Amino acid sequence: MTKKEEYELKLKIIGQWIEIKPNEELMESLKNAQRELKELELVEYQREL
């Protein structure tokens, strides 16, 4: 599993938990996973250049 796939899976799992029982800790985890995925995509884009 690539890092990108790992972060996408984290986003999916956290999103499902938020639907079931939303709370501040899950929302913070979601924000962190989204930020990490965005940073990873930027690094991959820079490598392509």
N, C-alpha and C. Protein backbone atom coordinates (compact mmCIF):
# COMPACT_ATOMS: atom_id res chain seq x y z
N MET A 1 0.85 -1.17 0.00
CA MET A 1 0.00 0.00 0.00
C MET A 1 0.90 1.24 0.00
N THR A 2 0.63 2.15 -0.93
CA THR A 2 1.42 3.38 -0.99
C THR A 2 0.97 4.34 0.10
N LYS A 3 1.79 5.35 0.35
CA LYS A 3 1.43 6.36 1.35
C LYS A 3 0.11 7.04 0.97
N LYS A 4 -0.05 7.32 -0.32
CA LYS A 4 -1.27 7.98 -0.77
C LYS A 4 -2.48 7.10 -0.49
N GLU A 5 -2.38 5.82 -0.80
CA GLU A 5 -3.48 4.89 -0.53
C GLU A 5 -3.75 4.79 0.96
N GLU A 6 -2.69 4.82 1.75
CA GLU A 6 -2.83 4.75 3.21
C GLU A 6 -3.62 5.96 3.73
N TYR A 7 -3.26 7.16 3.27
CA TYR A 7 -3.96 8.37 3.71
C TYR A 7 -5.40 8.39 3.20
N GLU A 8 -5.63 7.93 1.98
CA GLU A 8 -7.00 7.88 1.46
C GLU A 8 -7.85 6.92 2.28
N LEU A 9 -7.27 5.80 2.70
CA LEU A 9 -7.99 4.85 3.54
C LEU A 9 -8.29 5.47 4.90
N LYS A 10 -7.32 6.19 5.47
CA LYS A 10 -7.54 6.87 6.75
C LYS A 10 -8.71 7.84 6.63
N LEU A 11 -8.72 8.63 5.55
CA LEU A 11 -9.80 9.59 5.34
C LEU A 11 -11.15 8.90 5.29
N LYS A 12 -11.21 7.78 4.59
CA LYS A 12 -12.46 7.04 4.44
C LYS A 12 -12.94 6.51 5.79
N ILE A 13 -12.03 5.91 6.55
CA ILE A 13 -12.39 5.34 7.85
C ILE A 13 -12.82 6.44 8.83
N ILE A 14 -12.05 7.51 8.89
CA ILE A 14 -12.39 8.61 9.80
C ILE A 14 -13.74 9.21 9.41
N GLY A 15 -13.97 9.38 8.11
CA GLY A 15 -15.25 9.91 7.64
C GLY A 15 -16.42 9.05 8.07
N GLN A 16 -16.25 7.74 8.01
CA GLN A 16 -17.32 6.83 8.43
C GLN A 16 -17.57 6.95 9.94
N TRP A 17 -16.52 7.07 10.73
CA TRP A 17 -16.68 7.22 12.18
C TRP A 17 -17.37 8.53 12.51
N ILE A 18 -17.04 9.59 11.78
CA ILE A 18 -17.67 10.88 12.04
C ILE A 18 -19.16 10.81 11.77
N GLU A 19 -19.57 10.07 10.73
CA GLU A 19 -20.99 9.91 10.44
C GLU A 19 -21.70 9.19 11.59
N ILE A 20 -21.03 8.22 12.20
CA ILE A 20 -21.63 7.44 13.28
C ILE A 20 -21.66 8.23 14.59
N LYS A 21 -20.52 8.82 14.95
CA LYS A 21 -20.42 9.51 16.23
C LYS A 21 -19.44 10.68 16.11
N PRO A 22 -19.93 11.82 15.65
CA PRO A 22 -19.03 12.96 15.47
C PRO A 22 -18.48 13.48 16.81
N ASN A 23 -17.21 13.83 16.82
CA ASN A 23 -16.62 14.49 17.98
C ASN A 23 -15.39 15.27 17.54
N GLU A 24 -14.89 16.10 18.44
CA GLU A 24 -13.78 17.00 18.11
C GLU A 24 -12.50 16.25 17.74
N GLU A 25 -12.21 15.16 18.45
CA GLU A 25 -10.99 14.40 18.18
C GLU A 25 -11.01 13.80 16.77
N LEU A 26 -12.16 13.27 16.36
CA LEU A 26 -12.26 12.71 15.01
C LEU A 26 -12.14 13.81 13.95
N MET A 27 -12.74 14.96 14.22
CA MET A 27 -12.64 16.06 13.26
C MET A 27 -11.19 16.51 13.11
N GLU A 28 -10.45 16.54 14.21
CA GLU A 28 -9.04 16.92 14.15
C GLU A 28 -8.24 15.87 13.38
N SER A 29 -8.55 14.60 13.58
CA SER A 29 -7.88 13.52 12.85
C SER A 29 -8.15 13.64 11.36
N LEU A 30 -9.38 13.96 11.00
CA LEU A 30 -9.74 14.13 9.59
C LEU A 30 -8.94 15.28 8.97
N LYS A 31 -8.87 16.40 9.67
CA LYS A 31 -8.10 17.54 9.16
C LYS A 31 -6.64 17.18 8.97
N ASN A 32 -6.06 16.45 9.93
CA ASN A 32 -4.65 16.06 9.83
C ASN A 32 -4.43 15.12 8.64
N ALA A 33 -5.30 14.15 8.46
CA ALA A 33 -5.16 13.21 7.35
C ALA A 33 -5.30 13.93 6.01
N GLN A 34 -6.23 14.88 5.92
CA GLN A 34 -6.40 15.65 4.69
C GLN A 34 -5.15 16.47 4.40
N ARG A 35 -4.58 17.09 5.43
CA ARG A 35 -3.37 17.89 5.27
C ARG A 35 -2.20 17.02 4.82
N GLU A 36 -2.05 15.84 5.44
CA GLU A 36 -0.96 14.93 5.08
C GLU A 36 -1.10 14.46 3.63
N LEU A 37 -2.32 14.17 3.20
CA LEU A 37 -2.54 13.74 1.82
C LEU A 37 -2.20 14.87 0.85
N LYS A 38 -2.61 16.08 1.18
CA LYS A 38 -2.31 17.23 0.32
C LYS A 38 -0.80 17.44 0.22
N GLU A 39 -0.09 17.33 1.35
CA GLU A 39 1.37 17.48 1.33
C GLU A 39 2.02 16.39 0.49
N LEU A 40 1.53 15.16 0.61
CA LEU A 40 2.07 14.05 -0.17
C LEU A 40 1.85 14.28 -1.66
N GLU A 41 0.68 14.77 -2.03
CA GLU A 41 0.39 15.04 -3.43
C GLU A 41 1.31 16.14 -3.97
N LEU A 42 1.61 17.15 -3.14
CA LEU A 42 2.52 18.21 -3.57
C LEU A 42 3.93 17.66 -3.80
N VAL A 43 4.38 16.78 -2.92
CA VAL A 43 5.70 16.18 -3.07
C VAL A 43 5.76 15.35 -4.34
N GLU A 44 4.71 14.57 -4.59
CA GLU A 44 4.67 13.75 -5.81
C GLU A 44 4.66 14.63 -7.05
N TYR A 45 3.94 15.74 -7.01
CA TYR A 45 3.89 16.66 -8.15
C TYR A 45 5.27 17.27 -8.41
N GLN A 46 5.96 17.65 -7.32
CA GLN A 46 7.29 18.25 -7.47
C GLN A 46 8.27 17.25 -8.07
N ARG A 47 8.12 15.98 -7.73
CA ARG A 47 9.00 14.95 -8.28
C ARG A 47 8.80 14.80 -9.79
N GLU A 48 7.57 15.03 -10.24
CA GLU A 48 7.27 14.91 -11.67
C GLU A 48 7.92 16.03 -12.47
N LEU A 49 8.15 17.17 -11.84
CA LEU A 49 8.71 18.32 -12.56
C LEU A 49 10.14 18.17 -12.88
